[in-house]
Amino acid sequence: MSEYQYYEFLALDQPLTDKQMLEVRAFSTRARITPTSFVNEYHWGNFKGDIDRFMTKYYDAFVYFANWGTHDLRFRLPKAALDVELAKRYCPSDGAHLRLAGGYAVLSLSSEDESGDWEGDEGWMPSLAPLRADLLAGDFRCLYLGWLNCVGCHEIEEDEAEPPVPPGLGELTAPLRALADFLRIDQSLVEAAAEACPSLTVQSDLAEELRSWIDTLSSQEKNTLLHRLTQESPMAVQREMLRRFRHARRPKQTAGQPPVRTVGQLLAAAHRRTQERRRVAAEKRARNEAQRREKAAKARKKHLDALASREAQAWQEVDALIATRQPKRYDEAVLLLRDLRDLADRGGKTAEAASRLSALRTSHSGKPSLIRRLNEAGL
């Protein structure tokens, strides 16, 4: 099998300078490079650059996948904009890892599945890139899914407790659903995790709560934020405010709650859900099969009812079809004979039909092609 690797880097906070574009070009003559992206595909060979260095120096997001089953997603986040200590609790192994580099924290989420079928480029970056803004705004569902990926890959001991459960696991956004697909997290495991997860606050209630929180800010804080809006990216200021707001709400929703589930309990709950899903699917298949058989039986009865009205004529048709000595007509004759046999069985005339079939075989014993067809049909 030929090899295929896909690399895509994205600059989100600020575009690369001309000098930086020349620097990354030195690592690939074929890559598609713009001030905000670096994309390359390899059918042989490997990327000559250092992914960690690219993420530390140039880019904010990275997506990689290969046809042997490796998926890799990375985000570069300003340390000052992230609760690093809390984020580390969601990153226990290679499947979810947090690396500190200068003023940044680089989050890596990866998945390996050598048995999976490779489906090529599914446009992962546009689907996954919005998760970085969510992280910077304090939405840790992305991190929790990364931790859950480690659970599903059995990279964490079963007696370990889960980290704080962020609200809204049962209400995943499109980027979060894409992440679950990208990491190939079992649906039952996601559903089991969501069982103990608080729902997202209704938008109207959230807006009122946010307004109340803003009222608690001092005049100096508000003036500082207004000044920053004139000097910085409004999106960055908005993300910081949302992050601070979520942090202010966190103690009563997540961090203040003691761990209530272990990895083993989550896996057991996921197993129960999988078994239930299989049971429901098996029952549905059984119902569908019963309906199919019932429908087929009704159709068969209707067909034999119609044949009963012309039974004598049908036996004559058999003789006429055999007389053609054509293989295709032999097939038609065999089908008709099977119908006549079933009709006889239904009417209690099995012996009579068997006698007629025996006589037919005797009279046409010199036609091996016909006899072979009769044998295969059980006639």
Protein backbone atom coordinates (compact mmCIF):
# COMPACT_ATOMS: atom_id res chain seq x y z
CA MET A 1 0.00 0.00 0.00
CA SER A 2 1.36 3.41 -0.93
CA GLU A 3 1.93 5.95 1.81
CA TYR A 4 0.01 9.19 2.18
CA GLN A 5 0.57 11.96 4.71
CA TYR A 6 -1.22 15.29 5.03
CA TYR A 7 0.20 18.29 6.92
CA GLU A 8 -1.66 21.56 7.46
CA PHE A 9 -0.53 24.47 9.63
CA LEU A 10 -2.65 27.57 10.25
CA ALA A 11 -1.73 31.01 11.62
CA LEU A 12 -4.75 32.46 13.39
CA ASP A 13 -3.61 35.27 15.68
CA GLN A 14 -1.38 37.00 13.13
CA PRO A 15 -0.13 36.19 9.62
CA LEU A 16 3.43 35.26 8.84
CA THR A 17 5.79 37.97 7.68
CA ASP A 18 7.57 37.72 4.33
CA LYS A 19 10.72 36.69 6.20
CA GLN A 20 8.89 33.93 8.05
CA MET A 21 7.33 32.68 4.81
CA LEU A 22 10.81 32.35 3.32
CA GLU A 23 11.94 30.48 6.43
CA VAL A 24 9.17 27.88 6.21
CA ARG A 25 9.59 27.62 2.43
CA ALA A 26 13.11 26.32 3.07
CA PHE A 27 11.56 23.13 4.42
CA SER A 28 9.45 22.37 1.35
CA THR A 29 9.50 23.43 -2.29
CA ARG A 30 6.09 21.85 -2.98
CA ALA A 31 4.04 23.10 -0.05
CA ARG A 32 1.18 25.54 -0.63
CA ILE A 33 2.22 28.48 1.53
CA THR A 34 0.26 31.67 2.25
CA PRO A 35 0.68 34.22 5.05
CA THR A 36 -1.81 32.19 7.12
CA SER A 37 -1.29 28.58 6.04
CA PHE A 38 1.17 25.84 5.12
CA VAL A 39 -0.25 22.72 3.41
CA ASN A 40 1.60 19.77 1.99
CA GLU A 41 0.82 16.19 1.00
CA TYR A 42 3.36 13.39 0.81
CA HIS A 43 3.00 10.20 -1.22
CA TRP A 44 6.58 9.31 -0.43
CA GLY A 45 9.15 10.82 1.90
CA ASN A 46 8.42 12.88 5.01
CA PHE A 47 8.08 16.46 6.20
CA LYS A 48 11.60 17.89 6.63
CA GLY A 49 10.66 20.46 9.24
CA ASP A 50 10.20 20.08 12.98
CA ILE A 51 6.50 20.19 13.89
CA ASP A 52 7.19 21.34 17.44
CA ARG A 53 9.37 24.20 16.18
CA PHE A 54 6.79 25.20 13.57
CA MET A 55 4.11 25.32 16.26
CA THR A 56 6.28 27.28 18.69
CA LYS A 57 7.56 29.83 16.19
CA TYR A 58 5.02 30.22 13.39
CA TYR A 59 1.58 28.63 13.65
CA ASP A 60 -1.42 28.38 15.98
CA ALA A 61 -3.08 25.19 14.68
CA PHE A 62 -1.91 21.97 13.06
CA VAL A 63 -3.69 18.96 11.56
CA TYR A 64 -1.98 15.78 10.40
CA PHE A 65 -3.28 12.46 9.19
CA ALA A 66 -1.76 9.47 7.42
CA ASN A 67 -3.29 6.52 5.63
CA TRP A 68 -1.91 4.11 8.24
CA GLY A 69 -4.31 5.53 10.81
CA THR A 70 -2.52 8.38 12.61
CA HIS A 71 -4.51 11.54 13.41
CA ASP A 72 -2.85 14.52 15.13
CA LEU A 73 -4.34 17.89 16.13
CA ARG A 74 -2.36 20.67 17.86
CA PHE A 75 -3.14 24.17 19.11
CA ARG A 76 -0.70 26.85 20.25
CA LEU A 77 -2.22 28.90 23.07
CA PRO A 78 -0.81 31.89 24.97
CA LYS A 79 -0.07 30.69 28.49
CA ALA A 80 -1.48 33.92 29.89
CA ALA A 81 -4.82 33.13 28.25
CA LEU A 82 -5.09 29.58 29.59
CA ASP A 83 -5.55 28.06 33.02
CA VAL A 84 -2.49 25.87 32.53
CA GLU A 85 -2.72 23.94 35.79
CA LEU A 86 -6.34 23.01 35.14
CA ALA A 87 -5.59 22.17 31.49
CA LYS A 88 -2.86 19.76 32.59
CA ARG A 89 -5.45 17.67 34.43
CA TYR A 90 -6.98 16.77 31.07
CA CYS A 91 -3.63 15.82 29.49
CA PRO A 92 -2.34 12.62 31.10
CA SER A 93 -0.62 10.81 28.21
CA ASP A 94 0.43 10.85 24.57
CA GLY A 95 -3.19 10.93 23.41
CA ALA A 96 -3.65 14.31 25.14
CA HIS A 97 -0.46 16.21 25.93
CA LEU A 98 0.32 19.79 26.95
CA ARG A 99 3.80 21.15 26.20
CA LEU A 100 5.02 24.49 27.54
CA ALA A 101 7.32 26.49 25.27
CA GLY A 102 8.22 30.07 26.11
CA GLY A 103 5.05 32.09 26.43
CA TYR A 104 2.93 29.36 24.86
CA ALA A 105 1.24 26.10 25.77
CA VAL A 106 0.95 23.65 22.88
CA LEU A 107 -1.92 21.17 23.16
CA SER A 108 -1.58 17.90 21.23
CA LEU A 109 -4.49 15.49 20.72
CA SER A 110 -3.75 12.32 18.76
CA SER A 111 -5.29 9.01 17.76
CA GLU A 112 -3.90 5.80 16.26
CA ASP A 113 -6.07 3.26 14.47
CA GLU A 114 -4.18 0.93 12.15
CA SER A 115 -7.29 -1.16 11.52
CA GLY A 116 -9.38 1.73 10.26
CA ASP A 117 -10.13 2.44 6.62
CA TRP A 118 -8.47 5.59 5.36
CA GLU A 119 -10.93 7.97 3.73
CA GLY A 120 -8.60 10.74 2.61
CA ASP A 121 -8.80 14.48 3.25
CA GLU A 122 -12.11 15.29 4.90
CA GLY A 123 -11.39 19.00 5.36
CA TRP A 124 -10.49 18.56 9.02
CA MET A 125 -8.86 21.93 9.62
CA PRO A 126 -11.94 24.10 8.91
CA SER A 127 -13.98 21.82 11.16
CA LEU A 128 -11.51 21.75 14.05
CA ALA A 129 -9.86 25.20 14.05
CA PRO A 130 -12.78 26.92 15.88
CA LEU A 131 -11.99 24.81 18.96
CA ARG A 132 -8.94 26.99 19.66
CA ALA A 133 -11.13 30.07 20.16
CA ASP A 134 -13.40 28.03 22.44
CA LEU A 135 -10.41 27.01 24.56
CA LEU A 136 -9.23 30.60 24.83
CA ALA A 137 -12.75 31.58 25.89
CA GLY A 138 -12.64 29.02 28.72
CA ASP A 139 -14.70 26.23 27.12
CA PHE A 140 -12.85 23.06 28.19
CA ARG A 141 -15.08 20.51 26.46
CA CYS A 142 -12.34 20.09 23.84
CA LEU A 143 -9.85 19.19 26.58
CA TYR A 144 -12.28 16.77 28.20
CA LEU A 145 -12.78 14.97 24.88
CA GLY A 146 -8.99 14.73 24.59
CA TRP A 147 -8.89 13.12 28.04
CA LEU A 148 -11.77 10.82 27.06
CA ASN A 149 -9.75 9.75 24.03
CA CYS A 150 -7.01 8.58 26.42
CA VAL A 151 -9.63 6.66 28.41
CA GLY A 152 -10.88 4.90 25.29
CA CYS A 153 -7.30 4.02 24.30
CA HIS A 154 -6.69 2.58 27.80
CA GLU A 155 -3.84 4.99 28.47
CA ILE A 156 -5.10 5.78 32.00
CA GLU A 157 -5.40 3.45 34.99
CA GLU A 158 -8.99 2.47 35.76
CA ASP A 159 -8.82 3.72 39.34
CA GLU A 160 -7.95 7.25 38.22
CA ALA A 161 -10.69 9.87 38.71
CA GLU A 162 -11.93 12.02 35.89
CA PRO A 163 -11.05 15.75 35.78
CA PRO A 164 -13.75 18.42 36.22
CA VAL A 165 -16.60 17.77 33.82
CA PRO A 166 -17.38 20.91 31.80
CA PRO A 167 -21.03 21.66 31.12
CA GLY A 168 -22.52 20.86 27.75
CA LEU A 169 -20.97 17.45 26.93
CA GLY A 170 -24.42 16.31 25.90
CA GLU A 171 -24.79 19.34 23.62
CA LEU A 172 -21.67 19.15 21.47
CA THR A 173 -21.15 21.81 18.82
CA ALA A 174 -20.24 20.87 15.25
CA PRO A 175 -16.47 21.41 15.89
CA LEU A 176 -16.66 19.23 19.03
CA ARG A 177 -18.48 16.48 17.12
CA ALA A 178 -15.79 16.74 14.46
CA LEU A 179 -13.13 16.35 17.16
CA ALA A 180 -14.83 13.22 18.52
CA ASP A 181 -14.83 11.82 14.98
CA PHE A 182 -11.22 12.88 14.34
CA LEU A 183 -10.04 11.17 17.53
CA ARG A 184 -12.40 8.24 16.84
CA ILE A 185 -13.86 8.33 20.35
CA ASP A 186 -16.51 5.67 20.90
CA GLN A 187 -19.98 7.22 20.88
CA SER A 188 -21.00 5.17 23.92
CA LEU A 189 -18.08 6.63 25.90
CA VAL A 190 -19.09 10.20 25.04
CA GLU A 191 -22.69 9.46 26.05
CA ALA A 192 -21.56 7.85 29.31
CA ALA A 193 -19.43 10.89 30.15
CA ALA A 194 -22.36 13.22 29.44
CA GLU A 195 -24.56 11.40 31.97
CA ALA A 196 -23.07 13.36 34.90
CA CYS A 197 -22.58 16.57 32.95
CA PRO A 198 -24.60 19.70 33.67
CA SER A 199 -26.44 21.22 30.72
CA LEU A 200 -25.41 24.50 29.21
CA THR A 201 -27.15 27.48 30.68
CA VAL A 202 -30.07 28.69 28.58
CA GLN A 203 -28.80 31.54 26.43
CA SER A 204 -31.17 34.12 27.92
CA ASP A 205 -30.19 33.12 31.45
CA LEU A 206 -26.51 33.14 30.48
CA ALA A 207 -26.81 36.66 29.07
CA GLU A 208 -28.42 37.87 32.28
CA GLU A 209 -25.75 36.16 34.36
CA LEU A 210 -23.02 37.70 32.21
CA ARG A 211 -24.59 41.13 32.61
CA SER A 212 -24.66 40.68 36.38
CA TRP A 213 -21.01 39.61 36.38
CA ILE A 214 -19.98 42.66 34.36
CA ASP A 215 -21.79 44.84 36.91
CA THR A 216 -19.43 43.46 39.58
CA LEU A 217 -16.36 44.71 37.72
CA SER A 218 -14.78 47.88 39.03
CA SER A 219 -14.83 51.08 37.01
CA GLN A 220 -11.07 50.79 36.56
CA GLU A 221 -11.41 47.26 35.11
CA LYS A 222 -14.12 48.41 32.70
CA ASN A 223 -12.06 51.39 31.58
CA THR A 224 -9.07 49.12 31.01
CA LEU A 225 -11.16 46.78 28.87
CA LEU A 226 -12.57 49.68 26.86
CA HIS A 227 -9.06 51.01 26.24
CA ARG A 228 -7.86 47.59 25.15
CA LEU A 229 -10.71 47.38 22.65
CA THR A 230 -9.23 50.38 20.87
CA GLN A 231 -5.72 48.91 20.85
CA GLU A 232 -6.12 45.15 20.48
CA SER A 233 -8.20 42.63 18.58
CA PRO A 234 -11.81 42.86 19.84
CA MET A 235 -12.02 39.08 19.50
CA ALA A 236 -9.08 38.60 21.87
CA VAL A 237 -10.62 40.91 24.47
CA GLN A 238 -13.99 39.15 24.13
CA ARG A 239 -12.36 35.74 24.62
CA GLU A 240 -10.59 36.95 27.75
CA MET A 241 -13.81 38.31 29.22
CA LEU A 242 -15.65 35.06 28.51
CA ARG A 243 -12.77 33.10 30.02
CA ARG A 244 -12.87 35.21 33.18
CA PHE A 245 -16.64 34.86 33.31
CA ARG A 246 -16.47 31.07 33.01
CA HIS A 247 -13.76 30.96 35.64
CA ALA A 248 -15.95 32.97 38.01
CA ARG A 249 -18.80 30.46 37.49
CA ARG A 250 -16.62 27.33 37.62
CA PRO A 251 -16.42 26.70 41.38
CA LYS A 252 -20.14 26.07 41.75
CA GLN A 253 -20.41 23.99 38.56
CA THR A 254 -17.26 21.90 38.25
CA ALA A 255 -14.16 22.55 40.29
CA GLY A 256 -16.07 22.62 43.58
CA GLN A 257 -17.54 19.17 42.95
CA PRO A 258 -15.55 16.14 44.14
CA PRO A 259 -14.76 13.50 41.50
CA VAL A 260 -17.64 11.07 41.36
CA ARG A 261 -16.47 8.67 38.64
CA THR A 262 -13.33 6.69 37.93
CA VAL A 263 -12.02 5.68 34.52
CA GLY A 264 -13.21 2.14 35.21
CA GLN A 265 -16.72 3.35 35.97
CA LEU A 266 -16.81 5.35 32.76
CA LEU A 267 -15.64 2.37 30.73
CA ALA A 268 -18.24 0.15 32.39
CA ALA A 269 -21.00 2.67 31.67
CA ALA A 270 -19.85 2.91 28.05
CA HIS A 271 -19.85 -0.88 27.77
CA ARG A 272 -23.42 -1.04 29.06
CA ARG A 273 -24.47 1.57 26.51
CA THR A 274 -22.75 -0.36 23.71
CA GLN A 275 -24.47 -3.57 24.74
CA GLU A 276 -27.82 -1.79 24.91
CA ARG A 277 -27.24 -0.24 21.48
CA ARG A 278 -26.42 -3.68 20.06
CA ARG A 279 -29.51 -5.19 21.70
CA VAL A 280 -31.75 -2.49 20.23
CA ALA A 281 -30.10 -2.91 16.83
CA ALA A 282 -30.55 -6.70 16.98
CA GLU A 283 -34.23 -6.32 17.90
CA LYS A 284 -34.71 -3.89 15.02
CA ARG A 285 -33.04 -6.31 12.61
CA ALA A 286 -35.25 -9.12 13.91
CA ARG A 287 -38.39 -6.98 13.45
CA ASN A 288 -37.31 -6.01 9.95
CA GLU A 289 -36.57 -9.64 9.08
CA ALA A 290 -39.95 -10.76 10.44
CA GLN A 291 -41.68 -8.06 8.41
CA ARG A 292 -39.71 -9.06 5.34
CA ARG A 293 -40.66 -12.71 5.77
CA GLU A 294 -44.29 -11.84 6.36
CA LYS A 295 -44.36 -9.68 3.25
CA ALA A 296 -42.63 -12.43 1.24
CA ALA A 297 -45.09 -15.04 2.55
CA LYS A 298 -48.06 -12.91 1.52
CA ALA A 299 -46.57 -12.35 -1.90
CA ARG A 300 -45.88 -16.09 -2.25
CA LYS A 301 -49.45 -16.96 -1.27
CA LYS A 302 -50.83 -14.49 -3.77
CA HIS A 303 -48.58 -15.93 -6.49
CA LEU A 304 -49.60 -19.54 -5.74
CA ASP A 305 -53.28 -18.53 -5.58
CA ALA A 306 -52.97 -17.16 -9.11
CA LEU A 307 -51.14 -20.32 -10.24
CA ALA A 308 -53.86 -22.55 -8.78
CA SER A 309 -56.40 -21.09 -11.22
CA ARG A 310 -54.33 -22.32 -14.18
CA GLU A 311 -52.54 -25.37 -12.76
CA ALA A 312 -53.27 -27.66 -15.68
CA GLN A 313 -52.14 -25.02 -18.16
CA ALA A 314 -48.92 -24.54 -16.16
CA TRP A 315 -47.96 -28.20 -16.54
CA GLN A 316 -48.44 -27.82 -20.28
CA GLU A 317 -46.21 -24.73 -20.25
CA VAL A 318 -43.49 -26.82 -18.58
CA ASP A 319 -43.62 -29.35 -21.41
CA ALA A 320 -43.50 -26.56 -24.01
CA LEU A 321 -40.50 -24.88 -22.36
CA ILE A 322 -38.55 -28.16 -22.14
CA ALA A 323 -39.33 -28.92 -25.76
CA THR A 324 -37.39 -25.85 -26.90
CA ARG A 325 -34.14 -27.53 -25.66
CA GLN A 326 -32.85 -24.03 -24.78
CA PRO A 327 -30.97 -23.56 -21.47
CA LYS A 328 -32.77 -20.29 -20.71
CA ARG A 329 -36.15 -21.99 -21.20
CA TYR A 330 -34.98 -24.85 -18.97
CA ASP A 331 -34.46 -22.29 -16.20
CA GLU A 332 -38.01 -20.99 -16.69
CA ALA A 333 -39.36 -24.52 -16.60
CA VAL A 334 -37.55 -25.30 -13.34
CA LEU A 335 -38.96 -22.16 -11.69
CA LEU A 336 -42.46 -23.10 -12.78
CA LEU A 337 -41.99 -26.69 -11.54
CA ARG A 338 -40.92 -25.41 -8.13
CA ASP A 339 -44.10 -23.33 -7.96
CA LEU A 340 -46.20 -26.33 -8.97
CA ARG A 341 -44.54 -28.49 -6.32
CA ASP A 342 -45.18 -25.88 -3.61
CA LEU A 343 -48.77 -25.54 -4.77
CA ALA A 344 -49.20 -29.30 -4.53
CA ASP A 345 -47.68 -29.37 -1.04
CA ARG A 346 -50.08 -26.65 0.05
CA GLY A 347 -53.08 -28.55 -1.34
CA GLY A 348 -52.12 -31.95 0.08
CA LYS A 349 -51.16 -33.33 -3.35
CA THR A 350 -47.47 -33.89 -2.68
CA ALA A 351 -47.49 -37.51 -3.84
CA GLU A 352 -49.28 -36.61 -7.08
CA ALA A 353 -46.74 -33.86 -7.88
CA ALA A 354 -43.83 -36.18 -7.02
CA SER A 355 -45.17 -38.79 -9.40
CA ARG A 356 -45.48 -36.26 -12.24
CA LEU A 357 -41.95 -34.98 -11.58
CA SER A 358 -40.57 -38.53 -11.59
CA ALA A 359 -42.27 -39.23 -14.90
CA LEU A 360 -40.91 -35.98 -16.33
CA ARG A 361 -37.35 -36.85 -15.27
CA THR A 362 -37.67 -40.29 -16.84
CA SER A 363 -38.99 -38.99 -20.15
CA HIS A 364 -36.23 -36.38 -20.39
CA SER A 365 -33.35 -38.39 -18.90
CA GLY A 366 -31.39 -37.80 -22.09
CA LYS A 367 -31.18 -34.07 -21.40
CA PRO A 368 -28.29 -33.77 -18.90
CA SER A 369 -28.50 -29.97 -18.76
CA LEU A 370 -32.15 -30.16 -17.70
CA ILE A 371 -31.54 -32.99 -15.20
CA ARG A 372 -28.69 -31.03 -13.62
CA ARG A 373 -31.01 -28.04 -13.15
CA LEU A 374 -33.71 -30.22 -11.63
CA ASN A 375 -31.21 -31.73 -9.20
CA GLU A 376 -29.91 -28.32 -8.14
CA ALA A 377 -33.51 -27.16 -7.51
CA GLY A 378 -34.26 -30.22 -5.40
CA LEU A 379 -36.79 -31.51 -7.93
